[in-house]
Each structure stands twice: as C-alpha cells, then as structure tokens.
C-alpha cells in the first residue's frame, strides 16, 4: 500500500480543519500522503435537538460505516463525540496530544458582567446546567449550527453570548473573540473535550501500527479516565456530566460532576491514582458519585 491514505472527516469547517492538522502531522512523521474524504453525518443534516437524540454517535456512525465498508482507511473525530461503549469492528488507533480542554464564552463581556436576563446560546445540557449555577438569571437559548453560525448570533445582537469549546475556536483562528475561558472549578468540560480520535477498522493491523505514531500516551490516559466516568454513569454525551483529568507525572487527578439541569444542585467528586489504572479510576469515581445521588440529577436526560 503506497498510494495516499483516505481519511474520512465530517464536512464542516471545524472538522476539516482539525482533520487537516492530523493529516499534516501524519505526513510529516511518516512521509505518507493523505487524501481527505468528506462525509455527511446524521448530526450534520438533522434539525432535531441533539440532546433529545442522545447526542452520542450522531456525528460518528456515518464515518464508521465508511470505515467498515472500506471506503476510507481511517477517520478523525472529536473524541467527545465518540460513544464510550467500544465497537468491536473499530480500533482507536491514536489520540493525538490534546488541545485546550476548556469551554469558552464568546461575548462582549465576561459572564459575571453580562446584563441580567442576557441570552446565552448553547445546545449542551452540561453547559446549560453549569451556566445556571454561575448565573441563575441568564436565559440559556438552545442553538445548532457550526461555530461561525453561532458566533454570528452574538455579532448580530440576537444573543449576548455563546459558549463553545476553546479548542475549536483556536483551530478556527477565532480565539481573539473569546471573552472568558472557564476554568474547571467554574465549568467542567465534556469528557474528552479538546482531544481528537483516529479510528481504523480493527482488522487493519498495518494501519493501527502506522497511525500509532500520532498517539499521545498522556492524553490517552487522561481522556480514558474521563470517558470511564461517562460510561459508568451510563450517560450519553448529551447528559449534564463534566469531567477533567490533569496529569501529574505518572498520576491522574480526576474531577467529575453531574449537575441538575436547573443548576440548583450538583454531585462533584475528585480522586487521584496511577495513569496505568485510568479506566478503573474513572469507574470508581462514578460509583462514588452514584452513591451520592448523581443518577437522579440526570433526570430525563438520555441514558
């Protein structure tokens, strides 16, 4: 196999930009050319509320279908979009070094300085719940669309702010529009936020080895712990669950929270342990959260 590798990606500017970064890095490390193949996913075309559909997988399944059918050699996803239950047909060949994990506010002022009753856009129950904890008086407005569309609602005055992933804004070169970066004590990110996932068919051992040059062991351990929390809570990426794992040497410091959608109550816990036991660390933390009532806070969110 000497021709260009076919890389599947969603067609949005955000997706093609981040996939292009992965392709460029892969070519730099291996000398192999990469051809980008755009794929339209269900999440891209539906007008429905992603939270009501469970969120998890709506941007992933079409790309995985192309992998299974052999129409692309590998696919690049935002890691936070991946279901936490493994698909035996698919291998997670690489998780490149993580970008900024934080959520960002695009607005004319920091959250604390927005006028009472301001409208802030986000389609994420996790962000809505945590925004309501910080500013119970603001109105959270559900929005869809790509990053440019969402930012446009602020510049047009339709909304006073929108919350987006900082990593995406940086990849698009729009970081100058960030009014505030939320630290993890203010707003816990989605498990895996800021990280990318490179998937191949499980039987393509040649590609698994080749793409392994992109893998970052520190990032993989951190996001594994975060995703283990989500998996143990049996929550999709649309549930109001935040998690972040900071790496210190060979140890992980993991914090996770489930927040009631009205922002009135939260179960938040932290733990530390060896990176080598990342999955068990996340599962154990989630068990402690469930014991404190985390399950009831997810309410009617999809499971």
C-alpha atoms as a PDB file:
ATOM      1  CA  UNK A   1       0.000   0.000   0.000  1.00  0.00           C
ATOM      2  CA  UNK A   2       1.864   3.037  -1.276  1.00  0.00           C
ATOM      3  CA  UNK A   3      -0.811   5.460  -2.522  1.00  0.00           C
ATOM      4  CA  UNK A   4      -2.399   8.184  -0.428  1.00  0.00           C
ATOM      5  CA  UNK A   5      -4.351   7.060   2.621  1.00  0.00           C
ATOM      6  CA  UNK A   6      -8.031   8.070   2.519  1.00  0.00           C
ATOM      7  CA  UNK A   7      -9.057   9.959   5.660  1.00  0.00           C
ATOM      8  CA  UNK A   8     -12.767  10.287   6.444  1.00  0.00           C
ATOM      9  CA  UNK A   9     -13.933  13.515   8.066  1.00  0.00           C
ATOM     10  CA  UNK A  10     -17.135  15.468   8.588  1.00  0.00           C
ATOM     11  CA  UNK A  11     -17.514  18.272   6.056  1.00  0.00           C
ATOM     12  CA  UNK A  12     -17.806  21.241   8.438  1.00  0.00           C
ATOM     13  CA  UNK A  13     -15.022  23.820   8.512  1.00  0.00           C
ATOM     14  CA  UNK A  14     -14.229  22.825  12.094  1.00  0.00           C
ATOM     15  CA  UNK A  15     -13.965  19.131  11.217  1.00  0.00           C
ATOM     16  CA  UNK A  16     -11.937  19.585   8.041  1.00  0.00           C
ATOM     17  CA  UNK A  17      -9.598  21.998   9.810  1.00  0.00           C
ATOM     18  CA  UNK A  18      -8.834  19.648  12.690  1.00  0.00           C
ATOM     19  CA  UNK A  19      -8.646  16.612  10.397  1.00  0.00           C
ATOM     20  CA  UNK A  20      -6.249  18.538   8.173  1.00  0.00           C
ATOM     21  CA  UNK A  21      -3.983  19.143  11.155  1.00  0.00           C
ATOM     22  CA  UNK A  22      -3.937  15.398  11.880  1.00  0.00           C
ATOM     23  CA  UNK A  23      -3.226  14.599   8.230  1.00  0.00           C
ATOM     24  CA  UNK A  24      -0.368  17.108   8.049  1.00  0.00           C
ATOM     25  CA  UNK A  25       1.219  15.746  11.217  1.00  0.00           C
ATOM     26  CA  UNK A  26       0.886  12.159   9.977  1.00  0.00           C
ATOM     27  CA  UNK A  27       2.523  13.015   6.649  1.00  0.00           C
ATOM     28  CA  UNK A  28       5.288  14.864   8.481  1.00  0.00           C
ATOM     29  CA  UNK A  29       6.017  11.815  10.654  1.00  0.00           C
ATOM     30  CA  UNK A  30       5.659   9.062   8.052  1.00  0.00           C
ATOM     31  CA  UNK A  31       6.028  10.643   4.624  1.00  0.00           C
ATOM     32  CA  UNK A  32       2.704   9.103   3.573  1.00  0.00           C
ATOM     33  CA  UNK A  33       0.277  11.314   1.676  1.00  0.00           C
ATOM     34  CA  UNK A  34      -3.314  11.660   2.911  1.00  0.00           C
ATOM     35  CA  UNK A  35      -6.436  12.305   0.829  1.00  0.00           C
ATOM     36  CA  UNK A  36      -9.389  13.886   2.656  1.00  0.00           C
ATOM     37  CA  UNK A  37     -12.828  12.330   2.073  1.00  0.00           C
ATOM     38  CA  UNK A  38     -15.783  14.406   3.291  1.00  0.00           C
ATOM     39  CA  UNK A  39     -18.695  12.507   4.857  1.00  0.00           C
ATOM     40  CA  UNK A  40     -22.082  13.949   5.815  1.00  0.00           C
ATOM     41  CA  UNK A  41     -23.336  12.541   9.145  1.00  0.00           C
ATOM     42  CA  UNK A  42     -26.834  12.384  10.612  1.00  0.00           C
ATOM     43  CA  UNK A  43     -25.878  15.036  13.149  1.00  0.00           C
ATOM     44  CA  UNK A  44     -24.956  17.384  10.298  1.00  0.00           C
ATOM     45  CA  UNK A  45     -28.294  17.178   8.476  1.00  0.00           C
ATOM     46  CA  UNK A  46     -30.908  16.713  11.175  1.00  0.00           C
ATOM     47  CA  UNK A  47     -32.696  19.782  12.523  1.00  0.00           C
ATOM     48  CA  UNK A  48     -33.621  17.979  15.737  1.00  0.00           C
ATOM     49  CA  UNK A  49     -32.329  18.600  19.240  1.00  0.00           C
ATOM     50  CA  UNK A  50     -29.158  16.534  19.637  1.00  0.00           C
ATOM     51  CA  UNK A  51     -29.723  16.223  23.377  1.00  0.00           C
ATOM     52  CA  UNK A  52     -33.087  14.565  22.745  1.00  0.00           C
ATOM     53  CA  UNK A  53     -31.423  12.113  20.356  1.00  0.00           C
ATOM     54  CA  UNK A  54     -28.881  11.141  22.963  1.00  0.00           C
ATOM     55  CA  UNK A  55     -26.112  13.114  21.324  1.00  0.00           C
ATOM     56  CA  UNK A  56     -23.609  10.276  21.372  1.00  0.00           C
ATOM     57  CA  UNK A  57     -22.821   8.837  17.975  1.00  0.00           C
ATOM     58  CA  UNK A  58     -24.877  11.128  15.734  1.00  0.00           C
ATOM     59  CA  UNK A  59     -21.678  12.579  14.237  1.00  0.00           C
ATOM     60  CA  UNK A  60     -19.809   9.273  14.263  1.00  0.00           C
ATOM     61  CA  UNK A  61     -21.858   6.420  12.770  1.00  0.00           C
ATOM     62  CA  UNK A  62     -21.642   7.526   9.107  1.00  0.00           C
ATOM     63  CA  UNK A  63     -17.852   7.795   9.327  1.00  0.00           C
ATOM     64  CA  UNK A  64     -17.656   4.381  10.939  1.00  0.00           C
ATOM     65  CA  UNK A  65     -19.840   2.943   8.162  1.00  0.00           C
ATOM     66  CA  UNK A  66     -17.350   4.255   5.576  1.00  0.00           C
ATOM     67  CA  UNK A  67     -14.533   2.591   7.534  1.00  0.00           C
ATOM     68  CA  UNK A  68     -16.305  -0.754   7.713  1.00  0.00           C
ATOM     69  CA  UNK A  69     -17.152  -0.613   4.001  1.00  0.00           C
ATOM     70  CA  UNK A  70     -13.529   0.153   3.162  1.00  0.00           C
ATOM     71  CA  UNK A  71     -14.335   3.492   1.521  1.00  0.00           C
ATOM     72  CA  UNK A  72     -11.876   5.285   3.838  1.00  0.00           C
ATOM     73  CA  UNK A  73      -8.740   3.973   5.543  1.00  0.00           C
ATOM     74  CA  UNK A  74      -9.100   5.936   8.767  1.00  0.00           C
ATOM     75  CA  UNK A  75     -11.392   8.552  10.277  1.00  0.00           C
ATOM     76  CA  UNK A  76     -10.879  11.544  12.549  1.00  0.00           C
ATOM     77  CA  UNK A  77     -13.483  12.566  15.137  1.00  0.00           C
ATOM     78  CA  UNK A  78     -13.777  14.952  18.040  1.00  0.00           C
ATOM     79  CA  UNK A  79     -13.209  12.493  20.869  1.00  0.00           C
ATOM     80  CA  UNK A  80     -16.114  13.835  22.928  1.00  0.00           C
ATOM     81  CA  UNK A  81     -18.483  12.695  20.139  1.00  0.00           C
ATOM     82  CA  UNK A  82     -17.453   9.031  20.433  1.00  0.00           C
ATOM     83  CA  UNK A  83     -19.733   6.589  22.273  1.00  0.00           C
ATOM     84  CA  UNK A  84     -17.962   5.186  25.334  1.00  0.00           C
ATOM     85  CA  UNK A  85     -19.018   1.605  24.541  1.00  0.00           C
ATOM     86  CA  UNK A  86     -16.422   0.071  22.186  1.00  0.00           C
ATOM     87  CA  UNK A  87     -17.415  -1.171  18.725  1.00  0.00           C
ATOM     88  CA  UNK A  88     -15.540  -4.470  18.180  1.00  0.00           C
ATOM     89  CA  UNK A  89     -15.186  -3.673  14.464  1.00  0.00           C
ATOM     90  CA  UNK A  90     -13.301  -0.441  15.187  1.00  0.00           C
ATOM     91  CA  UNK A  91      -9.906   0.277  16.768  1.00  0.00           C
ATOM     92  CA  UNK A  92      -8.933   3.593  18.351  1.00  0.00           C
ATOM     93  CA  UNK A  93      -5.529   3.769  16.706  1.00  0.00           C
ATOM     94  CA  UNK A  94      -4.433   7.136  18.069  1.00  0.00           C
ATOM     95  CA  UNK A  95      -5.374  10.002  20.346  1.00  0.00           C
ATOM     96  CA  UNK A  96      -3.090  12.923  19.407  1.00  0.00           C
ATOM     97  CA  UNK A  97      -1.925  15.458  22.034  1.00  0.00           C
ATOM     98  CA  UNK A  98      -4.899  17.302  23.473  1.00  0.00           C
ATOM     99  CA  UNK A  99      -5.625  20.958  22.751  1.00  0.00           C
ATOM    100  CA  UNK A 100      -7.279  23.323  25.244  1.00  0.00           C
ATOM    101  CA  UNK A 101      -9.862  21.378  27.256  1.00  0.00           C
ATOM    102  CA  UNK A 102     -11.838  24.404  28.462  1.00  0.00           C
ATOM    103  CA  UNK A 103     -15.165  25.934  27.489  1.00  0.00           C
ATOM    104  CA  UNK A 104     -15.090  29.499  26.197  1.00  0.00           C
ATOM    105  CA  UNK A 105     -17.581  32.375  26.248  1.00  0.00           C
ATOM    106  CA  UNK A 106     -17.822  34.488  23.105  1.00  0.00           C
ATOM    107  CA  UNK A 107     -19.497  37.711  24.219  1.00  0.00           C
ATOM    108  CA  UNK A 108     -18.962  41.400  24.753  1.00  0.00           C
ATOM    109  CA  UNK A 109     -18.060  40.831  28.405  1.00  0.00           C
ATOM    110  CA  UNK A 110     -17.247  38.126  30.920  1.00  0.00           C
ATOM    111  CA  UNK A 111     -20.174  36.089  32.212  1.00  0.00           C
ATOM    112  CA  UNK A 112     -20.304  37.958  35.530  1.00  0.00           C
ATOM    113  CA  UNK A 113     -20.538  41.277  33.692  1.00  0.00           C
ATOM    114  CA  UNK A 114     -23.356  40.414  31.286  1.00  0.00           C
ATOM    115  CA  UNK A 115     -26.615  42.310  31.982  1.00  0.00           C
ATOM    116  CA  UNK A 116     -29.317  40.467  33.972  1.00  0.00           C
ATOM    117  CA  UNK A 117     -31.510  38.346  31.738  1.00  0.00           C
ATOM    118  CA  UNK A 118     -28.894  38.090  28.990  1.00  0.00           C
ATOM    119  CA  UNK A 119     -29.436  35.366  26.402  1.00  0.00           C
ATOM    120  CA  UNK A 120     -26.549  32.912  26.113  1.00  0.00           C
ATOM    121  CA  UNK A 121     -26.619  30.232  23.442  1.00  0.00           C
ATOM    122  CA  UNK A 122     -25.632  26.583  23.845  1.00  0.00           C
ATOM    123  CA  UNK A 123     -27.207  23.279  22.897  1.00  0.00           C
ATOM    124  CA  UNK A 124     -25.361  21.355  25.622  1.00  0.00           C
ATOM    125  CA  UNK A 125     -27.259  20.328  28.791  1.00  0.00           C
ATOM    126  CA  UNK A 126     -23.864  20.147  30.554  1.00  0.00           C
ATOM    127  CA  UNK A 127     -23.098  23.771  29.723  1.00  0.00           C
ATOM    128  CA  UNK A 128     -26.663  24.913  30.456  1.00  0.00           C
ATOM    129  CA  UNK A 129     -26.627  23.317  33.908  1.00  0.00           C
ATOM    130  CA  UNK A 130     -23.274  24.859  34.836  1.00  0.00           C
ATOM    131  CA  UNK A 131     -24.158  28.280  33.384  1.00  0.00           C
ATOM    132  CA  UNK A 132     -27.272  28.274  35.560  1.00  0.00           C
ATOM    133  CA  UNK A 133     -25.149  27.515  38.604  1.00  0.00           C
ATOM    134  CA  UNK A 134     -22.933  30.519  37.813  1.00  0.00           C
ATOM    135  CA  UNK A 135     -25.660  32.929  36.678  1.00  0.00           C
ATOM    136  CA  UNK A 136     -29.203  31.737  37.529  1.00  0.00           C
ATOM    137  CA  UNK A 137     -30.672  34.909  36.000  1.00  0.00           C
ATOM    138  CA  UNK A 138     -29.453  34.416  32.441  1.00  0.00           C
ATOM    139  CA  UNK A 139     -31.573  32.762  29.749  1.00  0.00           C
ATOM    140  CA  UNK A 140     -29.952  29.761  28.067  1.00  0.00           C
ATOM    141  CA  UNK A 141     -31.013  29.546  24.427  1.00  0.00           C
ATOM    142  CA  UNK A 142     -30.617  26.241  22.549  1.00  0.00           C
ATOM    143  CA  UNK A 143     -28.679  26.690  19.307  1.00  0.00           C
ATOM    144  CA  UNK A 144     -27.400  24.489  16.489  1.00  0.00           C
ATOM    145  CA  UNK A 145     -25.055  25.125  13.604  1.00  0.00           C
ATOM    146  CA  UNK A 146     -21.344  25.463  13.055  1.00  0.00           C
ATOM    147  CA  UNK A 147     -19.040  27.731  15.017  1.00  0.00           C
ATOM    148  CA  UNK A 148     -19.305  30.619  12.571  1.00  0.00           C
ATOM    149  CA  UNK A 149     -23.118  30.492  12.684  1.00  0.00           C
ATOM    150  CA  UNK A 150     -23.142  30.511  16.477  1.00  0.00           C
ATOM    151  CA  UNK A 151     -20.671  33.375  16.774  1.00  0.00           C
ATOM    152  CA  UNK A 152     -22.745  35.288  14.235  1.00  0.00           C
ATOM    153  CA  UNK A 153     -25.699  35.274  16.621  1.00  0.00           C
ATOM    154  CA  UNK A 154     -23.584  37.328  19.048  1.00  0.00           C
ATOM    155  CA  UNK A 155     -22.220  39.786  16.496  1.00  0.00           C
ATOM    156  CA  UNK A 156     -25.771  40.329  15.167  1.00  0.00           C
ATOM    157  CA  UNK A 157     -27.071  41.049  18.671  1.00  0.00           C
ATOM    158  CA  UNK A 158     -29.530  38.128  18.643  1.00  0.00           C
ATOM    159  CA  UNK A 159     -27.689  36.679  21.645  1.00  0.00           C
ATOM    160  CA  UNK A 160     -25.462  38.289  24.258  1.00  0.00           C
ATOM    161  CA  UNK A 161     -23.105  35.331  24.262  1.00  0.00           C
ATOM    162  CA  UNK A 162     -22.448  31.754  23.163  1.00  0.00           C
ATOM    163  CA  UNK A 163     -20.401  29.028  24.845  1.00  0.00           C
ATOM    164  CA  UNK A 164     -18.164  26.912  22.627  1.00  0.00           C
ATOM    165  CA  UNK A 165     -15.133  24.660  23.058  1.00  0.00           C
ATOM    166  CA  UNK A 166     -11.965  26.737  23.284  1.00  0.00           C
ATOM    167  CA  UNK A 167     -10.057  24.177  21.212  1.00  0.00           C
ATOM    168  CA  UNK A 168     -12.434  24.595  18.287  1.00  0.00           C
ATOM    169  CA  UNK A 169     -12.209  28.369  18.389  1.00  0.00           C
ATOM    170  CA  UNK A 170      -8.412  28.163  18.411  1.00  0.00           C
ATOM    171  CA  UNK A 171      -8.367  25.745  15.473  1.00  0.00           C
ATOM    172  CA  UNK A 172     -10.559  28.155  13.520  1.00  0.00           C
ATOM    173  CA  UNK A 173      -8.326  31.097  14.408  1.00  0.00           C
ATOM    174  CA  UNK A 174     -11.156  32.784  16.338  1.00  0.00           C
ATOM    175  CA  UNK A 175      -9.539  32.881  19.795  1.00  0.00           C
ATOM    176  CA  UNK A 176      -9.445  36.682  19.730  1.00  0.00           C
ATOM    177  CA  UNK A 177     -13.234  36.622  20.146  1.00  0.00           C
ATOM    178  CA  UNK A 178     -13.083  34.743  23.456  1.00  0.00           C
ATOM    179  CA  UNK A 179     -14.301  36.954  26.316  1.00  0.00           C
ATOM    180  CA  UNK A 180     -13.722  34.333  29.011  1.00  0.00           C
ATOM    181  CA  UNK A 181     -12.155  30.904  29.393  1.00  0.00           C
ATOM    182  CA  UNK A 182     -13.900  28.836  32.060  1.00  0.00           C
ATOM    183  CA  UNK A 183     -11.516  27.073  34.406  1.00  0.00           C
ATOM    184  CA  UNK A 184     -12.535  23.617  35.625  1.00  0.00           C
ATOM    185  CA  UNK A 185     -13.661  24.927  39.017  1.00  0.00           C
ATOM    186  CA  UNK A 186     -16.199  27.086  37.154  1.00  0.00           C
ATOM    187  CA  UNK A 187     -17.271  24.770  34.344  1.00  0.00           C
ATOM    188  CA  UNK A 188     -16.119  21.182  33.911  1.00  0.00           C
ATOM    189  CA  UNK A 189     -15.647  20.291  30.245  1.00  0.00           C
ATOM    190  CA  UNK A 190     -17.166  17.334  28.447  1.00  0.00           C
ATOM    191  CA  UNK A 191     -15.145  14.123  28.867  1.00  0.00           C
ATOM    192  CA  UNK A 192     -12.508  14.127  26.143  1.00  0.00           C
ATOM    193  CA  UNK A 193     -13.097  17.756  25.148  1.00  0.00           C
ATOM    194  CA  UNK A 194     -10.203  19.240  23.181  1.00  0.00           C
ATOM    195  CA  UNK A 195      -8.934  15.818  22.091  1.00  0.00           C
ATOM    196  CA  UNK A 196      -9.259  14.081  18.728  1.00  0.00           C
ATOM    197  CA  UNK A 197      -9.701  10.395  17.927  1.00  0.00           C
ATOM    198  CA  UNK A 198      -8.237   8.482  14.993  1.00  0.00           C
ATOM    199  CA  UNK A 199     -10.184   5.302  14.212  1.00  0.00           C
ATOM    200  CA  UNK A 200      -9.481   2.414  11.838  1.00  0.00           C
ATOM    201  CA  UNK A 201     -11.045  -0.942  11.147  1.00  0.00           C
ATOM    202  CA  UNK A 202      -9.997  -3.414  13.831  1.00  0.00           C
ATOM    203  CA  UNK A 203      -8.650  -5.885  11.273  1.00  0.00           C
ATOM    204  CA  UNK A 204      -6.303  -3.315   9.704  1.00  0.00           C
ATOM    205  CA  UNK A 205      -3.332  -4.118  11.931  1.00  0.00           C
ATOM    206  CA  UNK A 206      -0.985  -2.493   9.411  1.00  0.00           C
ATOM    207  CA  UNK A 207      -2.789   0.839   9.783  1.00  0.00           C
ATOM    208  CA  UNK A 208      -3.138   0.554  13.547  1.00  0.00           C
ATOM    209  CA  UNK A 209       0.642   0.340  13.785  1.00  0.00           C
ATOM    210  CA  UNK A 210       1.242   3.071  11.189  1.00  0.00           C
ATOM    211  CA  UNK A 211      -1.185   5.543  12.772  1.00  0.00           C
ATOM    212  CA  UNK A 212       0.186   4.798  16.230  1.00  0.00           C
ATOM    213  CA  UNK A 213       2.857   7.462  15.634  1.00  0.00           C
ATOM    214  CA  UNK A 214       0.131  10.062  16.302  1.00  0.00           C
ATOM    215  CA  UNK A 215      -0.764   8.689  19.731  1.00  0.00           C
ATOM    216  CA  UNK A 216      -0.020  10.628  22.911  1.00  0.00           C
ATOM    217  CA  UNK A 217       0.066   8.348  25.955  1.00  0.00           C
ATOM    218  CA  UNK A 218      -0.559  11.173  28.449  1.00  0.00           C
ATOM    219  CA  UNK A 219      -3.667  12.382  26.605  1.00  0.00           C
ATOM    220  CA  UNK A 220      -4.937   8.826  26.158  1.00  0.00           C
ATOM    221  CA  UNK A 221      -4.702   8.123  29.893  1.00  0.00           C
ATOM    222  CA  UNK A 222      -6.434  11.381  30.840  1.00  0.00           C
ATOM    223  CA  UNK A 223      -9.368  11.017  28.455  1.00  0.00           C
ATOM    224  CA  UNK A 224      -9.719   7.316  29.268  1.00  0.00           C
ATOM    225  CA  UNK A 225     -10.394   8.220  32.907  1.00  0.00           C
ATOM    226  CA  UNK A 226     -12.883  10.916  31.906  1.00  0.00           C
ATOM    227  CA  UNK A 227     -14.750   8.647  29.490  1.00  0.00           C
ATOM    228  CA  UNK A 228     -14.847   5.880  32.103  1.00  0.00           C
ATOM    229  CA  UNK A 229     -16.913   8.204  34.312  1.00  0.00           C
ATOM    230  CA  UNK A 230     -19.381   8.756  31.481  1.00  0.00           C
ATOM    231  CA  UNK A 231     -19.505   5.039  30.725  1.00  0.00           C
ATOM    232  CA  UNK A 232     -20.140   4.061  34.352  1.00  0.00           C
ATOM    233  CA  UNK A 233     -22.900   6.649  34.669  1.00  0.00           C
ATOM    234  CA  UNK A 234     -24.420   5.132  31.505  1.00  0.00           C
ATOM    235  CA  UNK A 235     -24.750   8.670  30.203  1.00  0.00           C
ATOM    236  CA  UNK A 236     -24.533   9.898  26.641  1.00  0.00           C
ATOM    237  CA  UNK A 237     -22.550  12.974  25.698  1.00  0.00           C
ATOM    238  CA  UNK A 238     -25.800  14.978  25.958  1.00  0.00           C
ATOM    239  CA  UNK A 239     -26.149  14.366  29.693  1.00  0.00           C
ATOM    240  CA  UNK A 240     -25.086  17.131  32.143  1.00  0.00           C
ATOM    241  CA  UNK A 241     -21.820  15.354  33.023  1.00  0.00           C
ATOM    242  CA  UNK A 242     -18.463  17.115  33.143  1.00  0.00           C
ATOM    243  CA  UNK A 243     -15.085  15.512  33.763  1.00  0.00           C
ATOM    244  CA  UNK A 244     -11.452  16.510  33.534  1.00  0.00           C
ATOM    245  CA  UNK A 245      -8.260  14.663  34.348  1.00  0.00           C
ATOM    246  CA  UNK A 246      -4.999  16.552  34.911  1.00  0.00           C
ATOM    247  CA  UNK A 247      -1.807  14.537  34.570  1.00  0.00           C
ATOM    248  CA  UNK A 248       0.972  14.840  37.129  1.00  0.00           C
ATOM    249  CA  UNK A 249       3.915  12.561  36.423  1.00  0.00           C
ATOM    250  CA  UNK A 250       2.538   9.033  36.362  1.00  0.00           C
ATOM    251  CA  UNK A 251      -0.636  10.009  38.231  1.00  0.00           C
ATOM    252  CA  UNK A 252      -4.013  11.378  37.215  1.00  0.00           C
ATOM    253  CA  UNK A 253      -6.052  13.899  39.193  1.00  0.00           C
ATOM    254  CA  UNK A 254      -9.629  13.334  38.073  1.00  0.00           C
ATOM    255  CA  UNK A 255     -12.625  15.561  38.845  1.00  0.00           C
ATOM    256  CA  UNK A 256     -16.172  14.906  37.647  1.00  0.00           C
ATOM    257  CA  UNK A 257     -19.619  16.330  38.265  1.00  0.00           C
ATOM    258  CA  UNK A 258     -23.242  15.719  37.432  1.00  0.00           C
ATOM    259  CA  UNK A 259     -25.273  18.910  37.584  1.00  0.00           C
ATOM    260  CA  UNK A 260     -29.047  19.228  37.754  1.00  0.00           C
ATOM    261  CA  UNK A 261     -30.283  20.879  34.566  1.00  0.00           C
ATOM    262  CA  UNK A 262     -31.719  23.785  36.583  1.00  0.00           C
ATOM    263  CA  UNK A 263     -28.289  24.376  38.124  1.00  0.00           C
ATOM    264  CA  UNK A 264     -29.695  24.012  41.608  1.00  0.00           C
ATOM    265  CA  UNK A 265     -27.689  21.022  42.774  1.00  0.00           C
ATOM    266  CA  UNK A 266     -24.597  19.055  41.776  1.00  0.00           C
ATOM    267  CA  UNK A 267     -22.654  15.969  42.774  1.00  0.00           C
ATOM    268  CA  UNK A 268     -18.950  16.703  42.308  1.00  0.00           C
ATOM    269  CA  UNK A 269     -16.087  14.432  43.329  1.00  0.00           C
ATOM    270  CA  UNK A 270     -12.337  14.144  42.788  1.00  0.00           C
ATOM    271  CA  UNK A 271      -9.802  11.352  43.048  1.00  0.00           C
ATOM    272  CA  UNK A 272      -6.204  10.576  42.171  1.00  0.00           C
ATOM    273  CA  UNK A 273      -4.408   7.449  41.041  1.00  0.00           C
ATOM    274  CA  UNK A 274      -1.908   5.931  38.621  1.00  0.00           C
ATOM    275  CA  UNK A 275      -2.304   6.649  34.898  1.00  0.00           C
ATOM    276  CA  UNK A 276      -1.995   2.925  34.239  1.00  0.00           C
ATOM    277  CA  UNK A 277      -5.344   2.394  36.003  1.00  0.00           C
ATOM    278  CA  UNK A 278      -7.175   5.247  34.253  1.00  0.00           C
ATOM    279  CA  UNK A 279     -10.321   3.297  33.339  1.00  0.00           C
ATOM    280  CA  UNK A 280     -10.759   1.832  36.831  1.00  0.00           C
ATOM    281  CA  UNK A 281     -10.113   5.259  38.365  1.00  0.00           C
ATOM    282  CA  UNK A 282     -12.981   6.770  36.387  1.00  0.00           C
ATOM    283  CA  UNK A 283     -15.340   3.870  37.066  1.00  0.00           C
ATOM    284  CA  UNK A 284     -14.646   4.019  40.805  1.00  0.00           C
ATOM    285  CA  UNK A 285     -15.203   7.772  40.934  1.00  0.00           C
ATOM    286  CA  UNK A 286     -18.510   7.374  39.117  1.00  0.00           C
ATOM    287  CA  UNK A 287     -19.595   4.695  41.596  1.00  0.00           C
ATOM    288  CA  UNK A 288     -18.976   7.164  44.419  1.00  0.00           C
ATOM    289  CA  UNK A 289     -20.998   9.801  42.563  1.00  0.00           C
ATOM    290  CA  UNK A 290     -23.889   7.404  42.049  1.00  0.00           C
ATOM    291  CA  UNK A 291     -23.829   6.609  45.766  1.00  0.00           C
ATOM    292  CA  UNK A 292     -24.314  10.339  46.404  1.00  0.00           C
ATOM    293  CA  UNK A 293     -27.324  10.573  44.083  1.00  0.00           C
ATOM    294  CA  UNK A 294     -25.754  11.531  40.745  1.00  0.00           C
ATOM    295  CA  UNK A 295     -28.162   9.312  38.850  1.00  0.00           C
ATOM    296  CA  UNK A 296     -31.223  11.241  39.963  1.00  0.00           C
ATOM    297  CA  UNK A 297     -29.670  14.554  38.848  1.00  0.00           C
ATOM    298  CA  UNK A 298     -29.548  13.379  35.259  1.00  0.00           C
ATOM    299  CA  UNK A 299     -33.334  13.388  35.341  1.00  0.00           C
ATOM    300  CA  UNK A 300     -34.827  12.785  31.943  1.00  0.00           C
ATOM    301  CA  UNK A 301     -31.541  13.096  30.080  1.00  0.00           C
ATOM    302  CA  UNK A 302     -30.959  10.212  27.624  1.00  0.00           C
ATOM    303  CA  UNK A 303     -29.153   7.193  29.014  1.00  0.00           C
END
